[in-house]
C-alpha atoms as a PDB file:
ATOM      1  CA  MET A   1      -5.690 -68.355  50.982  1.00  0.00           C
ATOM      2  CA  ALA A   2      -3.142 -64.943  50.668  1.00  0.00           C
ATOM      3  CA  LEU A   3      -3.155 -62.104  48.758  1.00  0.00           C
ATOM      4  CA  PRO A   4      -0.808 -63.527  45.519  1.00  0.00           C
ATOM      5  CA  ILE A   5       1.087 -60.245  45.118  1.00  0.00           C
ATOM      6  CA  ILE A   6       4.703 -60.650  43.323  1.00  0.00           C
ATOM      7  CA  THR A   7       7.401 -58.779  44.567  1.00  0.00           C
ATOM      8  CA  ALA A   8       9.197 -56.791  42.738  1.00  0.00           C
ATOM      9  CA  ASP A   9      12.356 -58.518  42.301  1.00  0.00           C
ATOM     10  CA  GLU A  10      10.297 -61.365  41.298  1.00  0.00           C
ATOM     11  CA  ARG A  11       8.686 -60.052  38.528  1.00  0.00           C
ATOM     12  CA  LEU A  12      12.014 -57.938  37.754  1.00  0.00           C
ATOM     13  CA  ARG A  13      13.800 -61.282  37.178  1.00  0.00           C
ATOM     14  CA  GLU A  14      10.905 -62.790  35.068  1.00  0.00           C
ATOM     15  CA  LYS A  15      11.815 -63.081  31.440  1.00  0.00           C
ATOM     16  CA  GLN A  16      10.639 -60.558  29.610  1.00  0.00           C
ATOM     17  CA  GLY A  17       9.405 -61.251  26.170  1.00  0.00           C
ATOM     18  CA  VAL A  18       9.038 -58.065  23.143  1.00  0.00           C
ATOM     19  CA  LYS A  19       5.933 -58.014  21.097  1.00  0.00           C
ATOM     20  CA  LEU A  20       7.007 -56.033  17.792  1.00  0.00           C
ATOM     21  CA  VAL A  21       4.741 -55.149  14.542  1.00  0.00           C
ATOM     22  CA  LEU A  22       7.497 -55.197  11.496  1.00  0.00           C
ATOM     23  CA  LEU A  23       5.921 -52.807   8.614  1.00  0.00           C
ATOM     24  CA  GLY A  24       7.208 -52.258   5.003  1.00  0.00           C
ATOM     25  CA  LYS A  25       6.575 -52.136   1.827  1.00  0.00           C
ATOM     26  CA  SER A  26       6.416 -55.461  -0.292  1.00  0.00           C
ATOM     27  CA  GLY A  27       9.764 -56.823  -1.232  1.00  0.00           C
ATOM     28  CA  ILE A  28      11.526 -54.428   1.123  1.00  0.00           C
ATOM     29  CA  GLY A  29      12.665 -57.140   2.927  1.00  0.00           C
ATOM     30  CA  LYS A  30      10.662 -58.316   5.769  1.00  0.00           C
ATOM     31  CA  THR A  31      10.468 -61.732   5.713  1.00  0.00           C
ATOM     32  CA  SER A  32      14.108 -62.051   5.006  1.00  0.00           C
ATOM     33  CA  GLN A  33      14.632 -60.297   8.546  1.00  0.00           C
ATOM     34  CA  LEU A  34      14.046 -63.950   9.544  1.00  0.00           C
ATOM     35  CA  LYS A  35      17.961 -64.945   8.858  1.00  0.00           C
ATOM     36  CA  THR A  36      18.883 -62.509  11.868  1.00  0.00           C
ATOM     37  CA  LEU A  37      17.083 -64.808  13.873  1.00  0.00           C
ATOM     38  CA  PRO A  38      18.525 -67.898  15.657  1.00  0.00           C
ATOM     39  CA  GLU A  39      17.352 -70.879  14.245  1.00  0.00           C
ATOM     40  CA  ALA A  40      17.531 -73.609  17.215  1.00  0.00           C
ATOM     41  CA  SER A  41      14.914 -70.765  19.483  1.00  0.00           C
ATOM     42  CA  THR A  42      12.744 -69.029  16.577  1.00  0.00           C
ATOM     43  CA  LEU A  43       9.915 -70.584  15.458  1.00  0.00           C
ATOM     44  CA  PHE A  44       8.383 -69.375  11.944  1.00  0.00           C
ATOM     45  CA  VAL A  45       4.612 -69.089  11.654  1.00  0.00           C
ATOM     46  CA  ASP A  46       4.751 -69.360   7.556  1.00  0.00           C
ATOM     47  CA  LEU A  47       1.302 -68.172   6.793  1.00  0.00           C
ATOM     48  CA  GLU A  48       2.059 -66.672   3.269  1.00  0.00           C
ATOM     49  CA  ALA A  49       3.531 -70.220   2.014  1.00  0.00           C
ATOM     50  CA  GLY A  50       6.076 -68.020   0.395  1.00  0.00           C
ATOM     51  CA  ASP A  51       9.097 -69.115   2.204  1.00  0.00           C
ATOM     52  CA  LEU A  52      12.238 -68.677  -1.303  1.00  0.00           C
ATOM     53  CA  ALA A  53      13.193 -65.536   0.332  1.00  0.00           C
ATOM     54  CA  VAL A  54      14.338 -68.041   3.379  1.00  0.00           C
ATOM     55  CA  LYS A  55      14.482 -71.006   1.882  1.00  0.00           C
ATOM     56  CA  ASP A  56      18.329 -71.353   3.574  1.00  0.00           C
ATOM     57  CA  TRP A  57      16.989 -70.666   7.009  1.00  0.00           C
ATOM     58  CA  ARG A  58      17.144 -74.028   9.097  1.00  0.00           C
ATOM     59  CA  GLY A  59      14.735 -73.133  11.960  1.00  0.00           C
ATOM     60  CA  ASP A  60      11.698 -74.900  12.596  1.00  0.00           C
ATOM     61  CA  CYS A  61       8.026 -73.695  11.151  1.00  0.00           C
ATOM     62  CA  VAL A  62       4.410 -74.177  10.690  1.00  0.00           C
ATOM     63  CA  ARG A  63       1.851 -73.311   8.420  1.00  0.00           C
ATOM     64  CA  PRO A  64      -1.842 -72.904   9.718  1.00  0.00           C
ATOM     65  CA  SER A  65      -4.090 -72.950   6.509  1.00  0.00           C
ATOM     66  CA  THR A  66      -6.789 -71.443   7.838  1.00  0.00           C
ATOM     67  CA  TRP A  67      -8.556 -69.451  10.496  1.00  0.00           C
ATOM     68  CA  PRO A  68      -9.738 -72.153  12.804  1.00  0.00           C
ATOM     69  CA  GLU A  69      -6.239 -73.235  12.612  1.00  0.00           C
ATOM     70  CA  PHE A  70      -4.437 -70.587  13.405  1.00  0.00           C
ATOM     71  CA  ARG A  71      -6.423 -69.885  17.085  1.00  0.00           C
ATOM     72  CA  ASP A  72      -5.494 -73.414  17.657  1.00  0.00           C
ATOM     73  CA  LEU A  73      -1.861 -72.347  17.042  1.00  0.00           C
ATOM     74  CA  VAL A  74      -2.343 -69.434  18.449  1.00  0.00           C
ATOM     75  CA  VAL A  75      -3.715 -71.072  22.366  1.00  0.00           C
ATOM     76  CA  PHE A  76      -0.963 -73.880  22.393  1.00  0.00           C
ATOM     77  CA  LEU A  77       1.950 -71.120  21.687  1.00  0.00           C
ATOM     78  CA  ALA A  78       0.443 -68.772  24.697  1.00  0.00           C
ATOM     79  CA  GLY A  79      -1.672 -71.105  26.952  1.00  0.00           C
ATOM     80  CA  PRO A  80      -4.984 -70.399  27.665  1.00  0.00           C
ATOM     81  CA  ASN A  81      -6.875 -67.546  29.438  1.00  0.00           C
ATOM     82  CA  PRO A  82      -8.818 -69.375  32.742  1.00  0.00           C
ATOM     83  CA  ALA A  83     -10.895 -66.450  32.643  1.00  0.00           C
ATOM     84  CA  LEU A  84     -12.875 -67.067  29.581  1.00  0.00           C
ATOM     85  CA  PRO A  85     -15.909 -69.980  29.598  1.00  0.00           C
ATOM     86  CA  ALA A  86     -15.222 -73.385  28.380  1.00  0.00           C
ATOM     87  CA  ASP A  87     -16.719 -72.502  24.319  1.00  0.00           C
ATOM     88  CA  ALA A  88     -14.754 -69.146  24.048  1.00  0.00           C
ATOM     89  CA  PRO A  89     -11.499 -69.663  22.168  1.00  0.00           C
ATOM     90  CA  TYR A  90      -8.583 -69.254  24.257  1.00  0.00           C
ATOM     91  CA  SER A  91     -10.304 -70.881  26.934  1.00  0.00           C
ATOM     92  CA  GLU A  92      -8.938 -73.678  29.610  1.00  0.00           C
ATOM     93  CA  ALA A  93     -11.145 -76.582  27.366  1.00  0.00           C
ATOM     94  CA  HIS A  94      -9.636 -75.191  23.900  1.00  0.00           C
ATOM     95  CA  TYR A  95      -6.234 -75.211  25.127  1.00  0.00           C
ATOM     96  CA  ARG A  96      -6.830 -78.934  26.515  1.00  0.00           C
ATOM     97  CA  HIS A  97      -8.241 -80.116  23.114  1.00  0.00           C
ATOM     98  CA  VAL A  98      -5.500 -78.440  21.277  1.00  0.00           C
ATOM     99  CA  CYS A  99      -2.881 -80.502  23.730  1.00  0.00           C
ATOM    100  CA  GLU A 100      -4.377 -83.707  22.878  1.00  0.00           C
ATOM    101  CA  ARG A 101      -3.693 -82.638  19.000  1.00  0.00           C
ATOM    102  CA  TYR A 102      -0.535 -81.300  19.604  1.00  0.00           C
ATOM    103  CA  GLY A 103       1.160 -83.252  22.301  1.00  0.00           C
ATOM    104  CA  ASP A 104       3.112 -81.720  25.181  1.00  0.00           C
ATOM    105  CA  PRO A 105       3.441 -77.999  25.357  1.00  0.00           C
ATOM    106  CA  ALA A 106       6.835 -78.490  26.655  1.00  0.00           C
ATOM    107  CA  GLN A 107       8.088 -78.660  23.507  1.00  0.00           C
ATOM    108  CA  LEU A 108       7.955 -75.146  22.942  1.00  0.00           C
ATOM    109  CA  ALA A 109      10.146 -74.507  25.810  1.00  0.00           C
ATOM    110  CA  LYS A 110      13.359 -74.459  23.019  1.00  0.00           C
ATOM    111  CA  TYR A 111      11.775 -71.283  21.346  1.00  0.00           C
ATOM    112  CA  ASP A 112      12.222 -67.920  22.357  1.00  0.00           C
ATOM    113  CA  THR A 113      10.784 -65.877  19.002  1.00  0.00           C
ATOM    114  CA  TYR A 114       7.607 -66.035  17.422  1.00  0.00           C
ATOM    115  CA  PHE A 115       7.859 -65.043  13.643  1.00  0.00           C
ATOM    116  CA  VAL A 116       4.307 -64.455  12.244  1.00  0.00           C
ATOM    117  CA  ASP A 117       4.378 -63.714   8.524  1.00  0.00           C
ATOM    118  CA  SER A 118       1.723 -62.336   7.715  1.00  0.00           C
ATOM    119  CA  ILE A 119      -1.019 -60.518   9.835  1.00  0.00           C
ATOM    120  CA  THR A 120      -1.860 -59.070   6.107  1.00  0.00           C
ATOM    121  CA  VAL A 121      -2.698 -62.810   4.972  1.00  0.00           C
ATOM    122  CA  LEU A 122      -3.884 -63.917   8.198  1.00  0.00           C
ATOM    123  CA  ALA A 123      -6.742 -61.113   7.722  1.00  0.00           C
ATOM    124  CA  ARG A 124      -7.818 -62.311   4.383  1.00  0.00           C
ATOM    125  CA  LEU A 125      -7.834 -65.930   6.074  1.00  0.00           C
ATOM    126  CA  ALA A 126     -10.071 -64.445   9.109  1.00  0.00           C
ATOM    127  CA  LEU A 127     -12.325 -62.977   6.089  1.00  0.00           C
ATOM    128  CA  VAL A 128     -13.123 -66.164   4.458  1.00  0.00           C
ATOM    129  CA  TRP A 129     -13.926 -67.838   7.737  1.00  0.00           C
ATOM    130  CA  ALA A 130     -16.351 -64.682   8.906  1.00  0.00           C
ATOM    131  CA  LYS A 131     -17.728 -64.559   6.008  1.00  0.00           C
ATOM    132  CA  THR A 132     -19.596 -68.068   6.655  1.00  0.00           C
ATOM    133  CA  GLN A 133     -20.546 -67.349  10.144  1.00  0.00           C
ATOM    134  CA  PRO A 134     -24.437 -66.587  11.416  1.00  0.00           C
ATOM    135  CA  GLN A 135     -23.191 -63.041  12.049  1.00  0.00           C
ATOM    136  CA  ALA A 136     -22.382 -62.119   8.705  1.00  0.00           C
ATOM    137  CA  TYR A 137     -25.749 -63.027   7.431  1.00  0.00           C
ATOM    138  CA  SER A 138     -28.985 -60.346   8.056  1.00  0.00           C
ATOM    139  CA  GLU A 139     -30.995 -61.829  10.742  1.00  0.00           C
ATOM    140  CA  ARG A 140     -34.198 -60.554   9.167  1.00  0.00           C
ATOM    141  CA  THR A 141     -33.750 -61.345   5.490  1.00  0.00           C
ATOM    142  CA  GLY A 142     -31.306 -63.933   5.505  1.00  0.00           C
ATOM    143  CA  LYS A 143     -29.026 -62.277   3.562  1.00  0.00           C
ATOM    144  CA  PRO A 144     -25.087 -61.762   3.580  1.00  0.00           C
ATOM    145  CA  ASP A 145     -24.532 -59.034   5.735  1.00  0.00           C
ATOM    146  CA  THR A 146     -20.728 -57.749   4.983  1.00  0.00           C
ATOM    147  CA  ARG A 147     -21.080 -55.241   8.221  1.00  0.00           C
ATOM    148  CA  GLY A 148     -21.140 -58.838   9.978  1.00  0.00           C
ATOM    149  CA  ALA A 149     -18.677 -60.074   8.546  1.00  0.00           C
ATOM    150  CA  TYR A 150     -16.021 -57.321   9.173  1.00  0.00           C
ATOM    151  CA  GLY A 151     -17.233 -56.561  12.663  1.00  0.00           C
ATOM    152  CA  LEU A 152     -16.910 -60.433  13.522  1.00  0.00           C
ATOM    153  CA  LEU A 153     -13.447 -60.072  11.322  1.00  0.00           C
ATOM    154  CA  GLY A 154     -11.981 -56.987  13.353  1.00  0.00           C
ATOM    155  CA  SER A 155     -12.681 -59.084  16.922  1.00  0.00           C
ATOM    156  CA  GLU A 156     -11.736 -61.746  16.328  1.00  0.00           C
ATOM    157  CA  LEU A 157      -8.369 -60.792  14.845  1.00  0.00           C
ATOM    158  CA  ILE A 158      -7.874 -58.065  17.476  1.00  0.00           C
ATOM    159  CA  GLY A 159      -8.370 -61.444  19.813  1.00  0.00           C
ATOM    160  CA  ALA A 160      -6.163 -63.541  18.505  1.00  0.00           C
ATOM    161  CA  LEU A 161      -3.412 -61.351  18.414  1.00  0.00           C
ATOM    162  CA  THR A 162      -3.878 -59.923  21.782  1.00  0.00           C
ATOM    163  CA  HIS A 163      -3.873 -63.549  22.688  1.00  0.00           C
ATOM    164  CA  LEU A 164      -0.474 -64.717  21.579  1.00  0.00           C
ATOM    165  CA  GLN A 165       0.881 -61.186  22.335  1.00  0.00           C
ATOM    166  CA  HIS A 166       0.793 -62.272  25.809  1.00  0.00           C
ATOM    167  CA  ALA A 167       2.836 -65.347  25.558  1.00  0.00           C
ATOM    168  CA  ARG A 168       4.895 -65.036  28.547  1.00  0.00           C
ATOM    169  CA  GLY A 169       8.529 -64.673  27.853  1.00  0.00           C
ATOM    170  CA  LYS A 170       8.869 -64.847  24.215  1.00  0.00           C
ATOM    171  CA  HIS A 171       8.882 -62.393  21.399  1.00  0.00           C
ATOM    172  CA  VAL A 172       6.450 -62.260  19.210  1.00  0.00           C
ATOM    173  CA  VAL A 173       6.886 -60.217  15.748  1.00  0.00           C
ATOM    174  CA  PHE A 174       3.912 -59.552  13.383  1.00  0.00           C
ATOM    175  CA  VAL A 175       4.508 -58.658   9.648  1.00  0.00           C
ATOM    176  CA  ALA A 176       2.305 -56.907   7.561  1.00  0.00           C
ATOM    177  CA  ILE A 177       2.793 -54.968   4.240  1.00  0.00           C
ATOM    178  CA  LEU A 178       2.223 -51.050   4.240  1.00  0.00           C
ATOM    179  CA  ASP A 179       0.647 -49.305   1.798  1.00  0.00           C
ATOM    180  CA  GLU A 180       1.094 -46.128   0.199  1.00  0.00           C
ATOM    181  CA  ARG A 181      -2.393 -44.230  -0.343  1.00  0.00           C
ATOM    182  CA  LEU A 182      -3.736 -40.709  -0.088  1.00  0.00           C
ATOM    183  CA  ASP A 183      -6.198 -39.576   2.296  1.00  0.00           C
ATOM    184  CA  ASP A 184      -9.631 -37.517   0.965  1.00  0.00           C
ATOM    185  CA  PHE A 185      -7.083 -34.443   1.033  1.00  0.00           C
ATOM    186  CA  ASN A 186      -4.873 -36.271  -0.792  1.00  0.00           C
ATOM    187  CA  ARG A 187      -2.267 -36.346   0.900  1.00  0.00           C
ATOM    188  CA  LYS A 188       0.267 -39.324   0.901  1.00  0.00           C
ATOM    189  CA  VAL A 189      -0.139 -41.664   3.885  1.00  0.00           C
ATOM    190  CA  PHE A 190       0.699 -45.288   4.925  1.00  0.00           C
ATOM    191  CA  VAL A 191      -1.325 -47.904   6.261  1.00  0.00           C
ATOM    192  CA  PRO A 192      -0.929 -51.451   7.537  1.00  0.00           C
ATOM    193  CA  GLN A 193      -2.594 -53.811   4.068  1.00  0.00           C
ATOM    194  CA  ILE A 194      -4.871 -55.374   6.660  1.00  0.00           C
ATOM    195  CA  GLU A 195      -8.485 -56.308   5.935  1.00  0.00           C
ATOM    196  CA  GLY A 196     -10.671 -53.866   7.789  1.00  0.00           C
ATOM    197  CA  ALA A 197      -9.818 -51.101   9.706  1.00  0.00           C
ATOM    198  CA  LYS A 198     -10.567 -52.341  13.389  1.00  0.00           C
ATOM    199  CA  THR A 199      -7.175 -54.259  13.293  1.00  0.00           C
ATOM    200  CA  ALA A 200      -4.939 -51.740  11.913  1.00  0.00           C
ATOM    201  CA  ALA A 201      -6.126 -49.233  14.438  1.00  0.00           C
ATOM    202  CA  GLU A 202      -5.748 -51.211  17.097  1.00  0.00           C
ATOM    203  CA  LEU A 203      -2.880 -53.235  16.131  1.00  0.00           C
ATOM    204  CA  PRO A 204      -0.015 -50.552  17.228  1.00  0.00           C
ATOM    205  CA  GLY A 205      -1.798 -50.196  20.629  1.00  0.00           C
ATOM    206  CA  ILE A 206      -1.415 -53.737  21.699  1.00  0.00           C
ATOM    207  CA  VAL A 207       2.453 -53.874  21.072  1.00  0.00           C
ATOM    208  CA  ASP A 208       5.414 -52.735  22.647  1.00  0.00           C
ATOM    209  CA  GLU A 209       6.954 -51.584  19.091  1.00  0.00           C
ATOM    210  CA  VAL A 210       5.932 -50.641  15.907  1.00  0.00           C
ATOM    211  CA  VAL A 211       9.195 -50.473  13.490  1.00  0.00           C
ATOM    212  CA  THR A 212       8.806 -49.764   9.560  1.00  0.00           C
ATOM    213  CA  LEU A 213      11.296 -51.277   7.242  1.00  0.00           C
ATOM    214  CA  ALA A 214      12.326 -48.190   4.553  1.00  0.00           C
ATOM    215  CA  GLU A 215      14.376 -47.180   2.318  1.00  0.00           C
ATOM    216  CA  ILE A 216      16.470 -44.037   3.369  1.00  0.00           C
ATOM    217  CA  LYS A 217      17.521 -41.435   0.783  1.00  0.00           C
ATOM    218  CA  ALA A 218      21.307 -40.339   2.038  1.00  0.00           C
ATOM    219  CA  GLU A 219      22.297 -37.012   1.607  1.00  0.00           C
ATOM    220  CA  ASP A 220      24.244 -37.784  -0.955  1.00  0.00           C
ATOM    221  CA  GLY A 221      21.558 -38.865  -3.067  1.00  0.00           C
ATOM    222  CA  SER A 222      22.358 -42.424  -2.521  1.00  0.00           C
ATOM    223  CA  SER A 223      19.420 -45.018  -0.341  1.00  0.00           C
ATOM    224  CA  TYR A 224      19.882 -47.439   2.307  1.00  0.00           C
ATOM    225  CA  ARG A 225      17.763 -49.368   4.360  1.00  0.00           C
ATOM    226  CA  ALA A 226      16.488 -48.894   7.992  1.00  0.00           C
ATOM    227  CA  PHE A 227      14.222 -49.139  10.596  1.00  0.00           C
ATOM    228  CA  VAL A 228      12.420 -46.437  11.066  1.00  0.00           C
ATOM    229  CA  CYS A 229      11.505 -46.185  15.388  1.00  0.00           C
ATOM    230  CA  HIS A 230       9.662 -42.905  16.090  1.00  0.00           C
ATOM    231  CA  THR A 231       6.356 -42.469  15.851  1.00  0.00           C
ATOM    232  CA  VAL A 232       7.297 -38.658  15.121  1.00  0.00           C
ATOM    233  CA  ASN A 233       9.401 -38.561  11.858  1.00  0.00           C
ATOM    234  CA  PRO A 234       9.798 -36.867   9.031  1.00  0.00           C
ATOM    235  CA  TYR A 235       9.237 -40.112   6.859  1.00  0.00           C
ATOM    236  CA  GLY A 236       5.146 -40.334   7.776  1.00  0.00           C
ATOM    237  CA  VAL A 237       5.231 -43.777   8.347  1.00  0.00           C
ATOM    238  CA  PRO A 238       3.840 -45.914  11.563  1.00  0.00           C
ATOM    239  CA  ALA A 239       6.616 -46.129  14.295  1.00  0.00           C
ATOM    240  CA  LYS A 240       6.323 -47.249  18.208  1.00  0.00           C
ATOM    241  CA  ASP A 241       9.312 -47.179  20.895  1.00  0.00           C
ATOM    242  CA  ARG A 242       8.165 -47.501  24.341  1.00  0.00           C
ATOM    243  CA  SER A 243      11.492 -49.546  25.468  1.00  0.00           C
ATOM    244  CA  GLY A 244      13.009 -46.106  24.671  1.00  0.00           C
ATOM    245  CA  GLN A 245      16.324 -47.777  23.751  1.00  0.00           C
ATOM    246  CA  LEU A 246      15.854 -46.836  19.900  1.00  0.00           C
ATOM    247  CA  GLU A 247      17.161 -44.394  17.537  1.00  0.00           C
ATOM    248  CA  LEU A 248      14.674 -42.564  14.880  1.00  0.00           C
ATOM    249  CA  LEU A 249      16.658 -45.459  12.824  1.00  0.00           C
ATOM    250  CA  GLU A 250      18.375 -48.140  13.587  1.00  0.00           C
ATOM    251  CA  PRO A 251      20.348 -50.742  11.555  1.00  0.00           C
ATOM    252  CA  PRO A 252      17.693 -53.582   9.729  1.00  0.00           C
ATOM    253  CA  ASN A 253      18.890 -56.283  12.171  1.00  0.00           C
ATOM    254  CA  LEU A 254      15.667 -57.759  13.619  1.00  0.00           C
ATOM    255  CA  ARG A 255      17.774 -59.896  16.298  1.00  0.00           C
ATOM    256  CA  ALA A 256      20.065 -56.683  17.534  1.00  0.00           C
ATOM    257  CA  LEU A 257      16.626 -54.713  17.473  1.00  0.00           C
ATOM    258  CA  ILE A 258      15.008 -57.527  19.938  1.00  0.00           C
ATOM    259  CA  ASP A 259      17.742 -57.462  21.971  1.00  0.00           C
ATOM    260  CA  LYS A 260      17.907 -53.758  22.481  1.00  0.00           C
ATOM    261  CA  CYS A 261      14.595 -53.568  22.988  1.00  0.00           C
ATOM    262  CA  ALA A 262      15.064 -56.607  26.177  1.00  0.00           C
ATOM    263  CA  ALA A 263      17.838 -54.458  27.318  1.00  0.00           C
ATOM    264  CA  ALA A 264      15.490 -51.993  28.555  1.00  0.00           C
ATOM    265  CA  THR A 265      13.324 -54.268  30.367  1.00  0.00           C
ATOM    266  CA  ARG A 266      16.539 -55.622  32.543  1.00  0.00           C
ATOM    267  CA  ILE A 267      16.174 -53.742  35.897  1.00  0.00           C
ATOM    268  CA  PRO A 268      19.020 -54.369  38.793  1.00  0.00           C
ATOM    269  CA  THR A 269      17.211 -55.893  41.945  1.00  0.00           C
ATOM    270  CA  SER A 270      17.581 -54.239  45.051  1.00  0.00           C
ATOM    271  CA  LYS A 271      19.789 -57.368  45.399  1.00  0.00           C
ATOM    272  CA  GLU A 272      22.126 -55.971  43.004  1.00  0.00           C
END
């Protein structure tokens, strides 16, 4: 058996997907960004059951209501990890089991974007589940162990989001509320509203782009909404641009932003 080398031309011809975290204060219009995405090729993963803002958007949606349901959805959308043992989530066995319930995964070919709203709510679902697991109880006393529950929450949530962001050829958007807080030195800081510190700390490292939808003050005193896209920014909000294609501020149009990032992955092959 020959070493399965993927040539540069083959790799560059592969369809690339942008993996993005969309942050913003509650009510700023994060969910409404769904309206900028194509209805025919976007799957809305509605965890908040709060689709009033996008009730006129006529795309498909799914509504997992528990953590196990979300894990099943993740392996169906992204496929299995063949390196995992059969009893592990996202394994080949898990994938086959889910396919028996959900049907032929070929039905997903029509989608090029998964819009997950929101991981703020998802973390709460995961914590409810984690508190019922053996790791959430002290082996010595049998009493609830909060530290164990939050440890399990962090590993489960990061595991699921990491697996979903490996959905090859798909754009994946994770939405989360952004909180404004004061740190130990009474300085204003912005942090994603996610249960447990592990996910908030590690999430930026597993995606290509982190953008914050923010209200920006203009020089004339008026205000407007924009995506903040650079890590170093005067607003103090989380942001990261791995594509190198985005300006500090971009218009609040998620489809245009994704297209701009995706363009960076299109490199001419040696035959062009």
